[in-house]
Amino acid sequence: MRLKKIKYTDLLEDKKYNFLLPIGSLEQHGPYIPFGTDTYITDYIVNQAEKEFPNLIILPTLEFSRSQEHKEFFGTVYLSEETLEKVMFDICNSLYTKADNIFITSFHANDLVIEKFIKEKSNSFTPAKIINLEICNEEDDKEIKKLLNGPIDDHAGNTEISNMLIIDPDTVKLPSKTDKKTIIQNPFETDNIADKSKNGIADNHPEWITNKEIGQKTLDIYTKRMITNLHKYL
């Protein structure tokens, strides 16, 4: 259930709850998909998880996060790591007295910031547990590589374009087979992807493989991972 839709009288004084904080991003995703791609994907996965866990209280998605590696592309709006940590702290501080667990999840690459926050600050919210809810791991990556018969995009390539074909196809401009790709290693090495990719895409697959089948199958993989991880705690 969505926190913004319920009333404070719906929450019992003698009961504790489980909360989920989804974090997206508002950052460039190349010429083919929108700034809000990570938020769209995060929301899609959370919506599917809500069906499995209807009593999980879901907070509004935080649509700004650590995205400074995309700062050279106008329109990207990002928070510093310090600001994101403070936002997570204030949110957890608002909820922990009536929480068993506060899950934080992000399709965007916020895991290092979330893990650092949990390591350094989670003791402030005892006895509630603060948990980084993983969406994808190495096992999932292997499965997606088989689907693509090649490497997974690091950013704004085959899988994310395909995901958006499922979620909101009106926001997608499909690449043509003749659109060239730039093969780049360690695209986020300098914390500024524009140093290595002028169009903001990091996808080393030799071909464009973008279709709804890939989009749905990868979204199903992400959803399954989130639900599997939630079952460890709920």
Protein backbone atom coordinates (compact mmCIF):
# COMPACT_ATOMS: atom_id res chain seq x y z
CA MET A 1 0.00 0.00 0.00
CA ARG A 2 1.08 3.55 -0.70
CA LEU A 3 1.88 5.77 2.26
CA LYS A 4 0.57 8.85 0.47
CA LYS A 5 -2.87 7.20 0.05
CA ILE A 6 -3.50 6.08 3.63
CA LYS A 7 -4.41 8.03 6.78
CA TYR A 8 -2.48 8.16 10.01
CA THR A 9 -5.44 6.50 11.73
CA ASP A 10 -4.90 3.46 9.47
CA LEU A 11 -1.62 2.77 11.29
CA LEU A 12 -2.16 1.02 14.62
CA GLU A 13 -0.28 2.34 17.65
CA ASP A 14 0.74 -1.10 18.89
CA LYS A 15 1.92 -2.43 15.52
CA LYS A 16 5.12 -2.06 13.56
CA TYR A 17 5.31 -1.96 9.77
CA ASN A 18 7.63 -2.60 6.87
CA PHE A 19 8.46 0.32 4.62
CA LEU A 20 9.99 0.56 1.15
CA LEU A 21 11.81 3.65 -0.12
CA PRO A 22 12.32 3.47 -3.92
CA ILE A 23 15.03 5.71 -5.38
CA GLY A 24 15.12 6.57 -9.07
CA SER A 25 17.06 9.22 -10.97
CA LEU A 26 16.60 12.13 -13.33
CA GLU A 27 19.58 11.83 -15.64
CA GLN A 28 20.37 11.67 -19.34
CA HIS A 29 19.76 8.34 -21.05
CA GLY A 30 21.13 9.12 -24.48
CA PRO A 31 19.09 10.06 -27.55
CA TYR A 32 16.64 7.15 -27.37
CA ILE A 33 15.04 7.07 -23.90
CA PRO A 34 14.02 9.72 -21.34
CA PHE A 35 15.69 11.30 -18.33
CA GLY A 36 13.35 9.39 -16.02
CA THR A 37 14.23 5.90 -17.27
CA ASP A 38 15.67 4.66 -13.96
CA THR A 39 12.61 5.96 -12.13
CA TYR A 40 10.23 4.33 -14.60
CA ILE A 41 12.01 0.98 -14.21
CA THR A 42 12.21 1.22 -10.41
CA ASP A 43 8.50 2.06 -10.22
CA TYR A 44 7.59 -0.82 -12.53
CA ILE A 45 9.43 -3.33 -10.34
CA VAL A 46 7.99 -1.89 -7.13
CA ASN A 47 4.46 -2.02 -8.59
CA GLN A 48 4.89 -5.73 -9.31
CA ALA A 49 6.30 -6.37 -5.83
CA GLU A 50 3.34 -4.59 -4.25
CA LYS A 51 1.03 -7.25 -5.69
CA GLU A 52 2.99 -9.91 -3.80
CA PHE A 53 3.28 -7.87 -0.58
CA PRO A 54 0.10 -5.75 -0.26
CA ASN A 55 0.87 -4.83 3.37
CA LEU A 56 4.28 -3.38 2.53
CA ILE A 57 4.07 0.40 2.93
CA ILE A 58 5.64 2.03 -0.11
CA LEU A 59 6.91 5.59 0.03
CA PRO A 60 6.80 7.95 -2.96
CA THR A 61 9.80 7.37 -5.21
CA LEU A 62 12.70 9.76 -4.68
CA GLU A 63 13.34 10.90 -8.26
CA PHE A 64 16.69 12.59 -7.62
CA SER A 65 19.82 10.72 -6.61
CA ARG A 66 23.55 10.36 -7.18
CA SER A 67 23.88 11.17 -10.89
CA GLN A 68 26.80 13.56 -11.09
CA GLU A 69 28.52 11.31 -13.63
CA HIS A 70 25.95 12.65 -16.13
CA LYS A 71 26.35 16.32 -15.22
CA GLU A 72 27.77 17.34 -18.61
CA PHE A 73 24.42 16.50 -20.22
CA PHE A 74 22.03 19.38 -19.59
CA GLY A 75 18.78 18.36 -17.93
CA THR A 76 20.39 15.93 -15.50
CA VAL A 77 19.41 16.81 -11.93
CA TYR A 78 21.53 15.19 -9.24
CA LEU A 79 22.15 15.15 -5.53
CA SER A 80 25.59 14.99 -3.98
CA GLU A 81 26.33 11.78 -2.11
CA GLU A 82 26.27 13.74 1.15
CA THR A 83 22.83 15.18 0.36
CA LEU A 84 21.42 11.78 -0.63
CA GLU A 85 22.71 10.30 2.63
CA LYS A 86 21.07 13.11 4.61
CA VAL A 87 17.78 12.61 2.78
CA MET A 88 17.84 8.88 3.53
CA PHE A 89 18.69 9.66 7.16
CA ASP A 90 15.78 12.06 7.57
CA ILE A 91 13.34 9.64 5.94
CA CYS A 92 14.46 6.73 8.13
CA ASN A 93 14.43 8.99 11.18
CA SER A 94 10.80 9.86 10.40
CA LEU A 95 9.70 6.22 10.31
CA TYR A 96 11.92 3.97 12.39
CA THR A 97 9.97 4.08 15.68
CA LYS A 98 7.11 2.18 14.00
CA ALA A 99 9.22 0.12 11.59
CA ASP A 100 10.43 -3.45 11.66
CA ASN A 101 12.28 -2.98 8.38
CA ILE A 102 12.96 -0.02 6.11
CA PHE A 103 13.95 -1.27 2.67
CA ILE A 104 15.79 1.04 0.29
CA THR A 105 15.90 0.05 -3.37
CA SER A 106 17.21 1.63 -6.54
CA PHE A 107 17.55 0.44 -10.12
CA HIS A 108 20.00 3.30 -10.64
CA ALA A 109 23.59 2.83 -9.44
CA ASN A 110 23.08 4.09 -5.89
CA ASP A 111 24.11 0.86 -4.17
CA LEU A 112 27.47 2.13 -2.92
CA VAL A 113 25.86 5.19 -1.34
CA ILE A 114 23.06 3.13 0.19
CA GLU A 115 25.49 0.55 1.60
CA LYS A 116 27.71 3.29 3.04
CA PHE A 117 24.67 4.93 4.64
CA ILE A 118 23.54 1.63 6.16
CA LYS A 119 27.03 0.81 7.46
CA GLU A 120 27.54 4.21 9.06
CA LYS A 121 24.06 5.25 10.16
CA SER A 122 21.79 2.21 10.63
CA ASN A 123 22.58 1.99 14.36
CA SER A 124 20.75 5.30 14.75
CA PHE A 125 17.48 3.52 13.98
CA THR A 126 17.68 0.47 16.24
CA PRO A 127 15.71 -1.77 16.59
CA ALA A 128 14.43 -1.15 13.06
CA LYS A 129 16.58 -2.69 10.32
CA ILE A 130 17.66 -0.67 7.29
CA ILE A 131 18.12 -2.96 4.28
CA ASN A 132 19.43 -2.37 0.77
CA LEU A 133 16.97 -4.30 -1.38
CA GLU A 134 18.90 -5.65 -4.34
CA ILE A 135 17.24 -5.62 -7.78
CA CYS A 136 19.90 -7.39 -9.84
CA ASN A 137 23.00 -9.47 -9.12
CA GLU A 138 25.70 -11.34 -11.03
CA GLU A 139 23.48 -14.40 -11.49
CA ASP A 140 20.84 -12.20 -13.13
CA ASP A 141 23.50 -10.55 -15.31
CA LYS A 142 24.48 -13.95 -16.69
CA GLU A 143 20.86 -14.70 -17.57
CA ILE A 144 20.49 -11.36 -19.34
CA LYS A 145 23.72 -11.89 -21.27
CA LYS A 146 22.24 -15.14 -22.60
CA LEU A 147 19.12 -13.28 -23.71
CA LEU A 148 21.23 -10.73 -25.57
CA ASN A 149 23.85 -13.20 -26.75
CA GLY A 150 26.38 -10.58 -25.77
CA PRO A 151 27.27 -7.93 -23.19
CA ILE A 152 24.75 -6.00 -21.12
CA ASP A 153 24.59 -2.25 -21.51
CA ASP A 154 26.04 -0.24 -18.66
CA HIS A 155 23.74 2.67 -19.47
CA ALA A 156 20.99 3.64 -21.92
CA GLY A 157 21.50 0.76 -24.34
CA ASN A 158 19.74 -2.42 -25.42
CA THR A 159 18.12 -3.53 -22.16
CA GLU A 160 17.00 -0.13 -20.91
CA ILE A 161 15.57 0.83 -24.30
CA SER A 162 13.75 -2.52 -24.38
CA ASN A 163 12.46 -1.98 -20.82
CA MET A 164 10.97 1.36 -21.83
CA LEU A 165 9.23 -0.25 -24.80
CA ILE A 166 7.21 -2.16 -22.19
CA ILE A 167 6.77 0.61 -19.63
CA ASP A 168 6.11 3.68 -21.80
CA PRO A 169 6.76 3.14 -25.52
CA ASP A 170 5.72 6.71 -26.36
CA THR A 171 8.93 7.96 -24.72
CA VAL A 172 11.18 5.76 -26.89
CA LYS A 173 12.97 6.56 -30.13
CA LEU A 174 14.32 3.30 -31.51
CA PRO A 175 17.91 3.24 -32.78
CA SER A 176 18.34 2.23 -36.39
CA LYS A 177 20.53 -0.74 -37.25
CA THR A 178 23.02 1.67 -38.83
CA ASP A 179 23.40 3.88 -35.75
CA LYS A 180 26.98 3.44 -34.63
CA LYS A 181 28.10 2.49 -31.16
CA THR A 182 31.30 3.53 -29.44
CA ILE A 183 32.96 0.65 -27.59
CA ILE A 184 34.15 2.04 -24.26
CA GLN A 185 35.77 0.46 -21.23
CA ASN A 186 35.02 1.62 -17.68
CA PRO A 187 32.52 4.30 -18.76
CA PHE A 188 32.21 5.74 -15.25
CA GLU A 189 35.93 5.68 -14.49
CA THR A 190 36.19 9.50 -14.34
CA ASP A 191 32.76 10.08 -12.77
CA ASN A 192 31.91 11.88 -16.02
CA ILE A 193 30.56 9.63 -18.73
CA ALA A 194 30.87 12.43 -21.32
CA ASP A 195 34.65 11.92 -21.22
CA LYS A 196 34.14 8.57 -22.95
CA SER A 197 30.69 8.67 -24.55
CA LYS A 198 29.59 11.77 -26.41
CA ASN A 199 26.01 10.55 -26.76
CA GLY A 200 25.74 9.31 -23.17
CA ILE A 201 25.33 5.62 -24.06
CA ALA A 202 27.49 2.88 -22.59
CA ASP A 203 26.66 -0.35 -24.42
CA ASN A 204 29.40 -2.60 -25.79
CA HIS A 205 27.07 -5.04 -27.50
CA PRO A 206 28.04 -5.11 -31.21
CA GLU A 207 24.40 -4.89 -32.31
CA TRP A 208 21.24 -3.02 -31.46
CA ILE A 209 18.86 -5.57 -29.95
CA THR A 210 15.81 -3.68 -28.74
CA ASN A 211 12.38 -5.28 -28.56
CA LYS A 212 9.50 -5.89 -26.19
CA GLU A 213 10.46 -9.52 -25.59
CA ILE A 214 13.85 -8.51 -24.20
CA GLY A 215 12.18 -5.70 -22.28
CA GLN A 216 9.62 -7.92 -20.59
CA LYS A 217 12.02 -10.76 -19.82
CA THR A 218 14.57 -8.47 -18.18
CA LEU A 219 11.88 -6.69 -16.17
CA ASP A 220 10.65 -10.09 -15.01
CA ILE A 221 14.20 -10.97 -13.90
CA TYR A 222 14.49 -7.76 -11.88
CA THR A 223 11.04 -8.26 -10.35
CA LYS A 224 11.80 -11.85 -9.39
CA ARG A 225 15.02 -10.74 -7.66
CA MET A 226 13.23 -8.08 -5.62
CA ILE A 227 10.44 -10.43 -4.59
CA THR A 228 12.94 -13.18 -3.70
CA ASN A 229 14.87 -10.78 -1.50
CA LEU A 230 11.73 -9.46 0.19
CA HIS A 231 10.72 -13.01 1.06
CA LYS A 232 13.90 -13.28 3.13
CA TYR A 233 12.49 -10.71 5.53
CA LEU A 234 8.70 -10.79 5.19
